[in-house]
N, C-alpha and C. Protein backbone atom coordinates (compact mmCIF):
# COMPACT_ATOMS: atom_id res chain seq x y z
N MET A 1 6.19 -4.32 27.55
CA MET A 1 6.49 -5.82 27.34
C MET A 1 5.73 -6.08 26.05
N ARG A 2 4.57 -5.28 25.63
CA ARG A 2 4.11 -5.95 24.35
C ARG A 2 4.56 -4.89 23.49
N GLY A 3 5.64 -4.25 23.51
CA GLY A 3 5.94 -3.31 22.49
C GLY A 3 5.60 -2.15 21.79
N LEU A 4 4.50 -1.63 22.69
CA LEU A 4 3.78 -0.42 22.55
C LEU A 4 4.67 0.90 22.48
N GLU A 5 4.46 1.92 21.63
CA GLU A 5 5.14 3.08 21.65
C GLU A 5 4.36 3.95 22.94
N TYR A 6 5.07 4.31 23.75
CA TYR A 6 4.80 5.17 24.88
C TYR A 6 5.35 6.59 25.26
N GLU A 7 5.20 7.49 25.81
CA GLU A 7 5.78 8.57 26.08
C GLU A 7 5.36 8.67 27.81
N THR A 8 6.53 9.10 28.46
CA THR A 8 6.46 9.22 29.96
C THR A 8 6.39 10.50 30.22
N LYS A 9 5.67 11.02 31.11
CA LYS A 9 5.58 12.61 31.74
C LYS A 9 5.30 12.88 33.08
N VAL A 10 5.90 13.49 33.71
CA VAL A 10 5.60 13.89 35.20
C VAL A 10 4.23 14.31 35.30
N ALA A 11 3.44 13.74 36.17
CA ALA A 11 2.00 14.09 36.66
C ALA A 11 2.10 14.57 38.04
N ASP A 12 0.89 15.10 38.47
CA ASP A 12 0.79 15.50 40.11
C ASP A 12 -0.29 14.56 40.54
N SER A 13 0.24 13.77 41.32
CA SER A 13 -0.78 12.82 41.96
C SER A 13 -2.00 13.57 42.59
N ARG A 14 -1.91 14.59 43.11
CA ARG A 14 -2.73 15.36 43.67
C ARG A 14 -4.08 15.75 42.96
N LYS A 15 -3.86 15.65 41.47
CA LYS A 15 -4.89 16.06 40.51
C LYS A 15 -5.56 14.83 39.98
N ALA A 16 -4.96 13.89 40.08
CA ALA A 16 -5.40 12.65 39.51
C ALA A 16 -6.87 12.19 40.37
N PRO A 17 -7.81 11.63 39.69
CA PRO A 17 -9.05 11.21 40.39
C PRO A 17 -8.86 10.14 41.60
N LEU A 18 -7.79 9.31 41.73
CA LEU A 18 -7.86 8.26 42.82
C LEU A 18 -6.99 9.09 43.93
N GLY A 19 -5.89 10.15 43.52
CA GLY A 19 -5.31 10.90 44.12
C GLY A 19 -3.81 9.93 44.21
N LYS A 20 -3.63 9.21 43.24
CA LYS A 20 -2.19 8.23 43.21
C LYS A 20 -2.21 8.24 41.63
N LEU A 21 -0.80 7.97 41.39
CA LEU A 21 -0.16 7.44 40.01
C LEU A 21 -0.08 6.05 40.36
N PRO A 22 0.48 5.47 39.15
CA PRO A 22 0.58 5.93 37.81
C PRO A 22 -0.70 6.07 36.90
N GLY A 23 -0.86 6.83 35.83
CA GLY A 23 -2.23 7.19 35.21
C GLY A 23 -1.43 6.64 33.57
N LEU A 24 -2.44 6.19 32.89
CA LEU A 24 -2.37 6.25 31.20
C LEU A 24 -3.38 6.86 30.66
N GLN A 25 -2.82 7.89 29.52
CA GLN A 25 -3.74 8.50 28.84
C GLN A 25 -3.65 7.65 27.55
N LEU A 26 -4.79 7.24 27.09
CA LEU A 26 -4.86 6.40 25.64
C LEU A 26 -4.99 7.49 24.58
N LEU A 27 -4.80 6.94 23.29
CA LEU A 27 -4.70 7.93 22.24
C LEU A 27 -5.90 8.65 22.02
N ASP A 28 -7.15 8.55 22.46
CA ASP A 28 -8.31 8.97 22.10
C ASP A 28 -8.86 9.90 23.41
N GLY A 29 -7.63 10.25 24.29
CA GLY A 29 -7.60 11.09 25.45
C GLY A 29 -7.99 10.37 26.77
N THR A 30 -8.70 8.93 26.61
CA THR A 30 -9.26 8.43 28.00
C THR A 30 -7.92 8.36 28.98
N MET A 31 -8.31 8.36 30.17
CA MET A 31 -7.47 8.33 31.44
C MET A 31 -7.61 7.19 31.69
N VAL A 32 -6.65 6.48 32.25
CA VAL A 32 -7.02 4.92 33.10
C VAL A 32 -5.90 5.17 34.37
N TYR A 33 -6.00 4.98 35.57
CA TYR A 33 -5.51 5.07 36.87
C TYR A 33 -5.48 3.74 37.78
N ASP A 34 -4.18 3.27 38.14
CA ASP A 34 -4.00 2.46 38.99
C ASP A 34 -3.31 1.26 37.89
N SER A 35 -2.37 0.85 38.53
CA SER A 35 -1.42 0.06 37.67
C SER A 35 -1.98 -1.34 37.21
N ARG A 36 -2.88 -1.96 37.80
CA ARG A 36 -3.75 -3.11 37.86
C ARG A 36 -4.71 -2.88 36.52
N LEU A 37 -5.63 -1.62 36.57
CA LEU A 37 -6.30 -1.33 35.62
C LEU A 37 -5.90 -0.99 34.43
N ILE A 38 -4.66 -0.37 34.62
CA ILE A 38 -3.99 -0.16 33.16
C ILE A 38 -3.65 -1.47 32.56
N ILE A 39 -2.89 -2.40 33.05
CA ILE A 39 -2.68 -3.34 32.57
C ILE A 39 -4.07 -4.22 31.96
N GLU A 40 -4.92 -4.35 32.68
CA GLU A 40 -6.16 -4.94 32.17
C GLU A 40 -6.76 -4.07 30.99
N ARG A 41 -6.72 -2.79 31.11
CA ARG A 41 -7.16 -1.95 29.85
C ARG A 41 -6.41 -2.54 28.52
N LEU A 42 -4.92 -2.56 28.71
CA LEU A 42 -4.16 -2.64 27.79
C LEU A 42 -4.35 -4.04 26.97
N GLU A 43 -4.47 -5.18 28.41
CA GLU A 43 -4.59 -6.60 27.85
C GLU A 43 -6.15 -6.87 26.99
N SER A 44 -6.81 -5.97 27.41
CA SER A 44 -8.44 -6.21 26.76
C SER A 44 -8.51 -5.81 25.18
N GLU A 45 -7.34 -5.12 24.95
CA GLU A 45 -7.14 -4.44 23.27
C GLU A 45 -6.13 -5.33 22.67
N ASN A 46 -5.73 -6.59 23.45
CA ASN A 46 -4.74 -7.34 22.69
C ASN A 46 -5.27 -8.51 22.30
N PRO A 47 -5.01 -8.63 20.84
CA PRO A 47 -5.54 -9.88 20.21
C PRO A 47 -5.14 -11.24 20.78
N GLU A 48 -3.73 -11.27 21.31
CA GLU A 48 -3.26 -12.27 22.00
C GLU A 48 -3.02 -12.14 23.49
N PRO A 49 -3.72 -11.96 24.47
CA PRO A 49 -3.68 -11.81 25.81
C PRO A 49 -2.49 -12.84 26.48
N MET A 50 -1.46 -12.04 27.23
CA MET A 50 -0.20 -12.53 27.54
C MET A 50 -0.54 -13.61 28.73
N ASP A 51 -1.76 -13.50 29.43
CA ASP A 51 -2.14 -14.57 30.20
C ASP A 51 -3.36 -15.74 29.76
N ALA A 52 -3.31 -15.95 28.64
CA ALA A 52 -4.39 -16.60 28.15
C ALA A 52 -4.10 -18.17 28.11
N HIS A 53 -2.79 -18.32 28.34
CA HIS A 53 -2.65 -19.92 28.58
C HIS A 53 -2.53 -20.21 29.87
N LEU A 54 -2.90 -19.63 30.91
CA LEU A 54 -2.87 -19.82 32.33
C LEU A 54 -3.87 -20.34 32.54
N THR A 55 -3.90 -21.66 33.57
CA THR A 55 -5.37 -22.33 34.08
C THR A 55 -5.70 -21.51 34.92
N ARG A 56 -6.93 -21.97 35.22
CA ARG A 56 -7.57 -21.31 36.58
C ARG A 56 -6.93 -21.39 37.91
N ARG A 57 -6.21 -22.57 38.11
CA ARG A 57 -5.40 -22.74 39.17
C ARG A 57 -4.26 -21.86 39.29
N GLU A 58 -3.59 -21.54 38.28
CA GLU A 58 -2.04 -20.84 37.81
C GLU A 58 -2.76 -19.41 38.14
N ARG A 59 -3.61 -19.03 37.52
CA ARG A 59 -4.25 -17.68 37.79
C ARG A 59 -4.44 -17.47 39.03
N ALA A 60 -5.30 -18.30 39.75
CA ALA A 60 -5.38 -18.21 41.36
C ALA A 60 -4.18 -17.81 42.06
N ARG A 61 -3.01 -18.84 41.80
CA ARG A 61 -1.47 -18.49 42.56
C ARG A 61 -1.09 -17.17 42.27
N ALA A 62 -1.14 -16.85 40.93
CA ALA A 62 -0.36 -15.70 40.41
C ALA A 62 -1.21 -14.63 41.28
N ASP A 63 -2.70 -14.33 41.30
CA ASP A 63 -3.32 -13.29 41.83
C ASP A 63 -2.98 -13.26 43.14
N ALA A 64 -2.84 -14.39 44.14
CA ALA A 64 -2.14 -14.37 45.35
C ALA A 64 -1.07 -13.79 45.47
N MET A 65 -0.18 -14.03 44.64
CA MET A 65 1.27 -13.56 44.65
C MET A 65 1.21 -11.95 44.42
N ARG A 66 0.35 -11.60 43.40
CA ARG A 66 0.37 -9.99 43.28
C ARG A 66 -0.31 -9.39 44.18
N SER A 67 -1.30 -9.91 45.09
CA SER A 67 -2.18 -9.34 46.05
C SER A 67 -0.99 -9.14 47.35
N ALA A 68 0.01 -10.14 47.28
CA ALA A 68 0.62 -10.05 48.50
C ALA A 68 1.70 -8.78 48.45
N LEU A 69 2.09 -8.73 47.13
CA LEU A 69 2.83 -7.45 46.76
C LEU A 69 2.23 -6.17 46.89
N GLU A 70 0.87 -5.97 46.28
CA GLU A 70 0.28 -4.81 46.23
C GLU A 70 -0.43 -4.60 47.49
N GLU A 71 -0.75 -5.47 48.29
CA GLU A 71 -1.60 -5.11 49.53
C GLU A 71 -0.77 -5.43 50.83
N HIS A 72 0.19 -5.87 50.64
CA HIS A 72 1.19 -6.29 51.63
C HIS A 72 2.70 -5.35 51.59
N PHE A 73 3.56 -5.93 50.64
CA PHE A 73 4.84 -5.16 50.35
C PHE A 73 4.80 -3.81 50.11
N TYR A 74 3.79 -3.42 49.51
CA TYR A 74 3.79 -1.98 49.07
C TYR A 74 3.71 -1.32 50.28
N PHE A 75 3.11 -1.76 51.22
CA PHE A 75 3.28 -0.85 52.60
C PHE A 75 4.36 -1.03 53.16
N VAL A 76 5.02 -2.13 53.21
CA VAL A 76 6.28 -2.08 53.78
C VAL A 76 7.25 -1.05 53.17
N LEU A 77 7.17 -1.00 51.95
CA LEU A 77 8.19 -0.05 51.04
C LEU A 77 7.66 1.52 51.64
N VAL A 78 6.55 1.93 51.50
CA VAL A 78 6.27 3.21 52.19
C VAL A 78 6.62 3.19 53.38
N TYR A 79 6.42 2.39 54.58
CA TYR A 79 6.70 2.58 55.58
C TYR A 79 8.70 2.88 55.55
N LEU A 80 9.16 1.88 54.83
CA LEU A 80 10.47 2.31 55.01
C LEU A 80 10.98 3.54 54.43
N HIS A 81 10.33 4.16 53.65
CA HIS A 81 10.65 5.09 52.79
C HIS A 81 9.94 6.84 53.44
N PHE A 82 9.11 6.52 54.38
CA PHE A 82 8.29 7.51 54.93
C PHE A 82 8.68 7.83 56.43
N GLU A 83 8.60 6.26 57.11
CA GLU A 83 8.18 6.27 58.39
C GLU A 83 9.89 6.08 59.00
N TYR A 84 10.78 5.47 58.29
CA TYR A 84 12.15 5.09 58.72
C TYR A 84 12.81 6.38 58.05
N GLU A 85 13.23 7.10 59.53
CA GLU A 85 14.05 8.27 59.09
C GLU A 85 15.12 8.21 58.19
N ARG A 86 15.96 7.32 58.38
CA ARG A 86 16.99 7.21 57.14
C ARG A 86 16.49 6.69 55.88
N GLY A 87 15.57 6.31 55.50
CA GLY A 87 14.92 5.99 54.37
C GLY A 87 14.28 7.40 53.86
N TRP A 88 13.79 8.39 54.78
CA TRP A 88 13.14 9.29 54.30
C TRP A 88 14.49 10.38 53.87
N GLN A 89 15.42 10.44 54.77
CA GLN A 89 16.65 11.34 54.11
C GLN A 89 17.16 10.51 52.89
N GLU A 90 17.15 9.34 52.77
CA GLU A 90 17.56 9.06 51.47
C GLU A 90 16.90 9.37 50.01
N PHE A 91 15.43 8.93 50.33
CA PHE A 91 14.68 9.50 49.40
C PHE A 91 14.23 11.10 49.07
N LEU A 92 14.77 11.69 50.23
CA LEU A 92 14.44 13.17 50.09
C LEU A 92 14.43 14.02 48.77
N PRO A 93 15.79 13.66 48.30
CA PRO A 93 16.12 14.36 46.95
C PRO A 93 15.21 13.75 45.83
N VAL A 94 14.63 12.53 45.68
CA VAL A 94 13.72 12.07 44.65
C VAL A 94 12.50 13.22 44.87
N TRP A 95 11.92 13.43 46.00
CA TRP A 95 10.82 14.15 46.19
C TRP A 95 11.22 15.39 45.81
N LYS A 96 12.23 16.10 46.06
CA LYS A 96 12.39 17.31 45.92
C LYS A 96 12.63 17.37 44.25
N ASP A 97 13.06 16.42 43.85
CA ASP A 97 13.41 16.56 42.31
C ASP A 97 11.74 16.72 41.58
N TYR A 98 11.08 15.56 42.43
CA TYR A 98 9.68 15.53 41.80
C TYR A 98 8.92 16.81 42.08
N GLY A 99 8.96 17.40 43.07
CA GLY A 99 8.44 18.72 43.41
C GLY A 99 8.92 19.79 42.30
N ALA A 100 10.27 19.57 41.77
CA ALA A 100 10.72 20.86 41.21
C ALA A 100 10.07 20.67 39.59
N ALA A 101 10.03 19.37 39.27
CA ALA A 101 9.42 18.96 38.13
C ALA A 101 8.14 19.32 37.84
N LEU A 102 7.15 19.49 38.99
CA LEU A 102 6.01 20.19 38.79
C LEU A 102 5.69 21.52 39.04
N GLY A 103 7.06 22.14 38.97
CA GLY A 103 7.29 23.68 39.02
C GLY A 103 7.07 24.22 40.16
N MET A 104 7.11 23.31 41.25
CA MET A 104 7.03 23.96 42.72
C MET A 104 8.12 24.94 43.10
N PRO A 105 7.85 25.95 43.60
CA PRO A 105 9.28 26.73 43.93
C PRO A 105 9.45 26.16 45.35
N SER A 106 10.71 26.48 45.62
CA SER A 106 11.38 26.10 46.98
C SER A 106 10.89 26.16 48.03
N PHE A 107 10.63 27.53 48.17
CA PHE A 107 9.68 28.09 49.37
C PHE A 107 8.26 27.21 49.64
N VAL A 108 8.14 26.56 48.70
CA VAL A 108 6.51 25.77 48.85
C VAL A 108 7.11 24.59 48.91
N LEU A 109 7.98 24.13 48.30
CA LEU A 109 8.28 22.53 48.44
C LEU A 109 8.53 21.91 49.76
N ARG A 110 9.18 22.59 50.76
CA ARG A 110 9.56 22.23 51.88
C ARG A 110 8.41 22.04 53.04
N PRO A 111 7.45 22.84 53.34
CA PRO A 111 6.47 22.64 53.87
C PRO A 111 5.60 21.67 53.28
N ALA A 112 5.41 21.45 51.89
CA ALA A 112 4.47 20.68 51.22
C ALA A 112 4.98 19.15 51.67
N LEU A 113 6.26 18.85 51.39
CA LEU A 113 6.89 17.40 51.80
C LEU A 113 6.46 17.30 53.38
N PHE A 114 6.78 18.50 53.94
CA PHE A 114 6.46 18.03 55.38
C PHE A 114 5.12 17.48 55.80
N PHE A 115 3.84 18.07 55.08
CA PHE A 115 2.84 17.84 55.20
C PHE A 115 2.04 16.46 54.42
N ALA A 116 3.09 16.24 53.20
CA ALA A 116 2.95 14.96 52.67
C ALA A 116 3.30 14.10 52.97
N ARG A 117 4.22 14.18 54.13
CA ARG A 117 4.97 12.98 55.03
C ARG A 117 4.03 12.61 56.07
N ARG A 118 3.55 13.66 56.57
CA ARG A 118 2.50 13.52 57.78
C ARG A 118 1.37 12.80 57.42
N SER A 119 0.95 13.25 56.29
CA SER A 119 -0.43 12.49 55.65
C SER A 119 0.05 11.01 55.40
N VAL A 120 1.03 10.82 54.79
CA VAL A 120 1.29 9.35 54.33
C VAL A 120 1.43 8.61 55.59
N LEU A 121 2.11 9.09 56.51
CA LEU A 121 2.32 8.07 57.97
C LEU A 121 0.79 7.99 58.58
N ARG A 122 -0.14 9.01 58.54
CA ARG A 122 -1.63 8.83 59.23
C ARG A 122 -2.00 7.80 58.35
N ASP A 123 -2.04 7.83 57.17
CA ASP A 123 -2.49 6.91 56.35
C ASP A 123 -2.02 5.59 56.63
N LEU A 124 -0.72 5.33 56.91
CA LEU A 124 0.05 4.12 56.90
C LEU A 124 -0.23 3.39 58.62
N ARG A 125 -0.68 4.63 59.38
CA ARG A 125 -1.08 4.10 60.63
C ARG A 125 -2.62 3.47 60.70
N GLY A 126 -3.04 3.95 59.91
CA GLY A 126 -4.79 3.68 59.71
C GLY A 126 -4.98 2.40 59.00
N GLN A 127 -3.83 2.32 57.87
CA GLN A 127 -3.94 0.70 57.34
C GLN A 127 -3.13 -0.38 58.18
N GLY A 128 -2.48 -0.11 59.09
CA GLY A 128 -1.91 -1.07 60.06
C GLY A 128 -0.32 -1.25 60.02
N THR A 129 0.11 -0.91 58.93
CA THR A 129 1.62 -1.27 58.89
C THR A 129 2.31 -0.40 59.91
N GLY A 130 1.79 0.89 59.76
CA GLY A 130 2.36 2.13 60.76
C GLY A 130 2.49 1.72 62.09
N ARG A 131 1.59 0.75 62.75
CA ARG A 131 1.48 0.72 63.95
C ARG A 131 2.57 -0.10 64.48
N HIS A 132 3.46 -0.93 63.65
CA HIS A 132 4.55 -1.61 64.02
C HIS A 132 5.85 -1.09 64.09
N ASP A 133 6.70 -1.83 64.87
CA ASP A 133 8.06 -0.91 64.97
C ASP A 133 8.94 -1.29 63.96
N LEU A 134 10.09 -0.76 63.53
CA LEU A 134 10.89 -0.86 62.45
C LEU A 134 11.53 -2.42 62.45
N GLU A 135 11.87 -2.85 63.51
CA GLU A 135 12.17 -4.36 63.01
C GLU A 135 11.12 -5.40 62.64
N THR A 136 10.00 -4.90 63.00
CA THR A 136 8.97 -6.11 62.75
C THR A 136 8.62 -5.73 61.19
N VAL A 137 8.56 -4.41 60.73
CA VAL A 137 8.10 -4.32 59.38
C VAL A 137 9.58 -4.49 58.46
N ARG A 138 10.41 -4.60 58.75
CA ARG A 138 11.79 -5.18 58.27
C ARG A 138 11.54 -6.85 58.19
N ARG A 139 11.18 -7.52 59.17
CA ARG A 139 10.88 -8.77 59.28
C ARG A 139 9.80 -9.36 57.97
N PHE A 140 8.79 -8.21 58.14
CA PHE A 140 7.81 -8.59 57.14
C PHE A 140 8.17 -8.35 55.58
N GLY A 141 9.04 -7.41 55.32
CA GLY A 141 9.74 -7.11 54.21
C GLY A 141 10.42 -8.42 53.73
N LYS A 142 11.39 -8.86 54.46
CA LYS A 142 12.26 -10.24 54.25
C LYS A 142 11.59 -11.06 53.93
N GLU A 143 10.32 -11.70 54.86
CA GLU A 143 9.51 -12.70 54.34
C GLU A 143 9.05 -12.71 53.09
N LEU A 144 8.43 -11.55 52.68
CA LEU A 144 7.62 -11.26 51.63
C LEU A 144 8.57 -11.29 50.49
N VAL A 145 9.99 -11.16 50.28
CA VAL A 145 10.96 -11.17 49.59
C VAL A 145 11.61 -12.50 49.28
N THR A 146 11.42 -13.25 50.30
CA THR A 146 11.52 -14.75 50.23
C THR A 146 10.57 -15.57 49.59
N SER A 147 9.50 -15.23 49.82
CA SER A 147 8.33 -15.89 49.10
C SER A 147 8.12 -15.33 47.60
N LEU A 148 8.48 -14.00 47.56
CA LEU A 148 8.68 -13.86 45.82
C LEU A 148 9.69 -14.30 45.59
N ALA A 149 11.06 -14.77 45.83
CA ALA A 149 11.83 -15.45 45.27
C ALA A 149 11.71 -16.86 44.84
N ASP A 150 10.96 -17.52 45.85
CA ASP A 150 10.56 -19.22 46.11
C ASP A 150 9.62 -19.15 44.80
N PHE A 151 8.73 -18.03 44.79
CA PHE A 151 7.65 -18.50 43.77
C PHE A 151 8.10 -18.10 42.44
N ILE A 152 9.15 -17.64 42.27
CA ILE A 152 9.85 -17.20 40.73
C ILE A 152 10.59 -18.56 40.62
N GLY A 153 11.34 -19.04 41.47
CA GLY A 153 12.48 -20.04 41.58
C GLY A 153 13.38 -20.20 40.34
N ASP A 154 13.51 -21.10 39.33
CA ASP A 154 14.46 -20.81 38.45
C ASP A 154 13.66 -20.29 37.19
N GLY A 155 12.47 -19.87 37.46
CA GLY A 155 11.71 -19.38 36.33
C GLY A 155 11.72 -20.05 34.94
N PRO A 156 12.17 -19.09 34.30
CA PRO A 156 12.73 -18.10 34.01
C PRO A 156 11.92 -16.59 34.16
N TYR A 157 10.82 -16.91 34.43
CA TYR A 157 9.66 -15.66 34.75
C TYR A 157 8.44 -16.22 35.63
N VAL A 158 7.97 -15.58 36.37
CA VAL A 158 6.93 -15.60 37.32
C VAL A 158 6.17 -17.01 36.97
N MET A 159 5.78 -16.83 36.17
CA MET A 159 4.69 -18.25 36.00
C MET A 159 5.54 -19.57 34.72
N GLY A 160 6.88 -19.39 34.81
CA GLY A 160 7.36 -20.33 34.16
C GLY A 160 8.01 -20.12 33.04
N GLU A 161 7.95 -20.57 32.03
CA GLU A 161 8.67 -20.27 30.49
C GLU A 161 8.06 -19.20 29.99
N ARG A 162 7.02 -18.59 30.08
CA ARG A 162 6.36 -17.67 29.22
C ARG A 162 6.34 -16.46 30.17
N LEU A 163 6.19 -15.40 29.70
CA LEU A 163 5.96 -13.93 30.44
C LEU A 163 4.41 -13.78 30.54
N THR A 164 3.93 -13.07 31.44
CA THR A 164 2.80 -12.90 31.92
C THR A 164 2.28 -11.64 32.41
N THR A 165 1.39 -11.14 32.52
CA THR A 165 0.90 -9.49 33.14
C THR A 165 2.00 -9.81 34.66
N TYR A 166 1.79 -10.75 34.94
CA TYR A 166 2.32 -10.64 36.51
C TYR A 166 3.78 -10.54 36.55
N ASP A 167 4.57 -10.62 35.51
CA ASP A 167 6.15 -10.14 35.40
C ASP A 167 5.70 -8.48 35.97
N ALA A 168 4.95 -7.84 34.78
CA ALA A 168 5.27 -6.74 35.42
C ALA A 168 5.14 -6.15 36.70
N THR A 169 4.17 -6.93 37.47
CA THR A 169 3.97 -6.38 38.96
C THR A 169 5.15 -6.97 39.88
N ALA A 170 5.59 -8.09 39.38
CA ALA A 170 6.82 -8.48 40.37
C ALA A 170 8.02 -7.75 39.97
N TYR A 171 8.41 -7.61 38.80
CA TYR A 171 9.62 -6.76 38.41
C TYR A 171 9.53 -5.57 39.13
N ALA A 172 8.37 -4.89 39.06
CA ALA A 172 8.35 -3.69 39.59
C ALA A 172 8.54 -3.41 41.09
N PHE A 173 8.09 -4.59 41.73
CA PHE A 173 8.49 -4.41 43.28
C PHE A 173 9.77 -4.85 44.03
N ALA A 174 10.11 -6.16 43.05
CA ALA A 174 11.45 -6.43 43.23
C ALA A 174 12.41 -5.42 42.95
N ALA A 175 12.42 -4.56 41.70
CA ALA A 175 13.45 -3.77 41.21
C ALA A 175 13.47 -2.68 42.40
N GLN A 176 12.44 -2.17 42.99
CA GLN A 176 12.63 -1.17 44.14
C GLN A 176 13.32 -1.42 45.19
N ILE A 177 13.66 -2.64 45.51
CA ILE A 177 14.17 -3.26 46.60
C ILE A 177 15.78 -3.08 45.98
N VAL A 178 15.80 -4.32 45.06
CA VAL A 178 17.35 -4.78 44.69
C VAL A 178 18.28 -3.89 44.00
N GLN A 179 17.52 -3.10 43.03
CA GLN A 179 18.11 -2.13 42.02
C GLN A 179 18.19 -0.69 42.48
N SER A 180 17.74 -0.54 43.75
CA SER A 180 17.73 0.75 43.94
C SER A 180 19.32 1.23 45.01
N GLU A 181 19.08 2.48 45.36
CA GLU A 181 20.38 2.68 46.28
C GLU A 181 20.01 2.73 47.84
N PHE A 182 18.66 2.14 48.09
CA PHE A 182 18.10 2.36 49.49
C PHE A 182 19.08 1.46 50.04
N THR A 183 19.65 2.16 51.50
CA THR A 183 20.23 1.57 52.48
C THR A 183 19.31 0.77 53.43
N CYS A 184 19.26 -0.89 53.54
CA CYS A 184 18.04 -1.41 54.29
C CYS A 184 18.69 -2.64 54.39
N PRO A 185 18.19 -3.34 55.38
CA PRO A 185 18.61 -4.91 55.71
C PRO A 185 17.65 -5.64 54.71
N VAL A 186 16.47 -5.21 54.29
CA VAL A 186 15.54 -5.77 53.35
C VAL A 186 16.03 -5.95 52.05
N ARG A 187 16.85 -4.99 51.68
CA ARG A 187 17.56 -4.77 50.20
C ARG A 187 18.73 -5.72 50.25
N GLU A 188 19.40 -5.93 51.42
CA GLU A 188 20.54 -6.70 51.38
C GLU A 188 20.27 -8.12 51.18
N HIS A 189 18.91 -8.49 51.86
CA HIS A 189 18.36 -9.74 52.16
C HIS A 189 18.06 -10.19 50.81
N ALA A 190 17.16 -9.29 50.08
CA ALA A 190 16.80 -9.39 48.86
C ALA A 190 18.14 -9.95 47.71
N LYS A 191 19.19 -8.98 48.05
CA LYS A 191 20.11 -9.20 47.07
C LYS A 191 20.96 -10.58 47.39
N ARG A 192 20.71 -11.55 48.45
CA ARG A 192 21.22 -12.85 48.62
C ARG A 192 20.52 -13.64 48.16
N HIS A 193 19.01 -13.59 47.39
CA HIS A 193 18.29 -14.41 46.71
C HIS A 193 18.75 -14.51 45.12
N GLU A 194 19.81 -15.23 45.05
CA GLU A 194 20.31 -15.25 43.56
C GLU A 194 19.27 -15.46 42.61
N SER A 195 18.11 -16.20 42.77
CA SER A 195 17.08 -16.44 41.57
C SER A 195 16.37 -15.29 41.45
N LEU A 196 15.98 -14.35 42.68
CA LEU A 196 15.67 -13.04 42.33
C LEU A 196 16.43 -12.06 41.72
N VAL A 197 17.42 -12.07 41.89
CA VAL A 197 18.70 -11.18 41.41
C VAL A 197 18.76 -11.68 39.71
N ALA A 198 18.73 -12.85 39.34
CA ALA A 198 18.81 -13.54 38.18
C ALA A 198 17.88 -13.21 37.06
N TYR A 199 16.41 -13.04 37.93
CA TYR A 199 15.33 -12.71 37.38
C TYR A 199 15.27 -11.32 36.99
N LEU A 200 15.68 -10.41 38.06
CA LEU A 200 15.43 -9.02 37.53
C LEU A 200 16.75 -8.60 36.76
N ASP A 201 17.64 -9.44 36.72
CA ASP A 201 18.63 -9.08 35.22
C ASP A 201 18.08 -9.65 33.95
N ARG A 202 17.28 -10.56 33.95
CA ARG A 202 16.78 -11.27 32.84
C ARG A 202 15.76 -9.94 32.21
N MET A 203 14.91 -9.58 32.96
CA MET A 203 13.88 -8.65 32.65
C MET A 203 14.51 -7.29 32.43
N ARG A 204 15.47 -6.87 32.68
CA ARG A 204 16.39 -5.61 32.66
C ARG A 204 16.93 -5.55 31.30
N GLU A 205 17.38 -6.82 31.00
CA GLU A 205 18.39 -7.09 29.71
C GLU A 205 17.13 -7.25 28.61
N ARG A 206 15.87 -7.67 28.71
CA ARG A 206 14.94 -7.89 27.87
C ARG A 206 14.31 -6.47 27.67
N TYR A 207 14.12 -5.58 28.44
CA TYR A 207 13.27 -4.56 28.11
C TYR A 207 13.69 -3.27 28.59
N PHE A 208 14.88 -3.39 28.96
CA PHE A 208 15.48 -1.98 29.82
C PHE A 208 17.05 -1.58 29.59
N VAL A 209 17.53 -2.14 28.26
CA VAL A 209 18.69 -2.14 27.66
C VAL A 209 18.76 -1.78 26.48
N ASP A 210 19.53 -0.46 26.46
CA ASP A 210 19.18 0.23 24.89
C ASP A 210 20.20 -0.50 23.87
């Protein structure tokens, strides 16, 4: 979003200090993990921060939206990808490709995926979302999608006419549902929100079209 040059690499989440990705390696070798901390670090070095024009009230609203995505919608997505059997089967090729990219031999990959899924489901139950049935989690997902679509409205961006760092979060989560091939009622529900689809199209055309 700031036009910085970067290079993407496949990394092993098991070797990350927080046990998760993404991670960012700066030119001096410093590693930063967690998407929010990465954004904060990049913005701290930006002479013209993207959120500088926001009022305290606007920041509070945007923070609430971001927290809803990161602390609630995230776990809905995890549930739909790991607990929901059809979701797991649809995403299994992605996990296999990831394991292959890490250099894991096929005879190791299958049991590794089994134990990885079991670990995620255990964590999901401890967090709370995993204690609900599929229909309830789907309803949670639909409600959060509607809230995000209403928050963006006619935009053109999350906080109005100007891009902010909150767009990075909103786009990442919305795109996972609308622009994936995942078969799920939450995705169909999201695609019916014209404002959300239009927002994703604007972001994709601005940043992801060669």
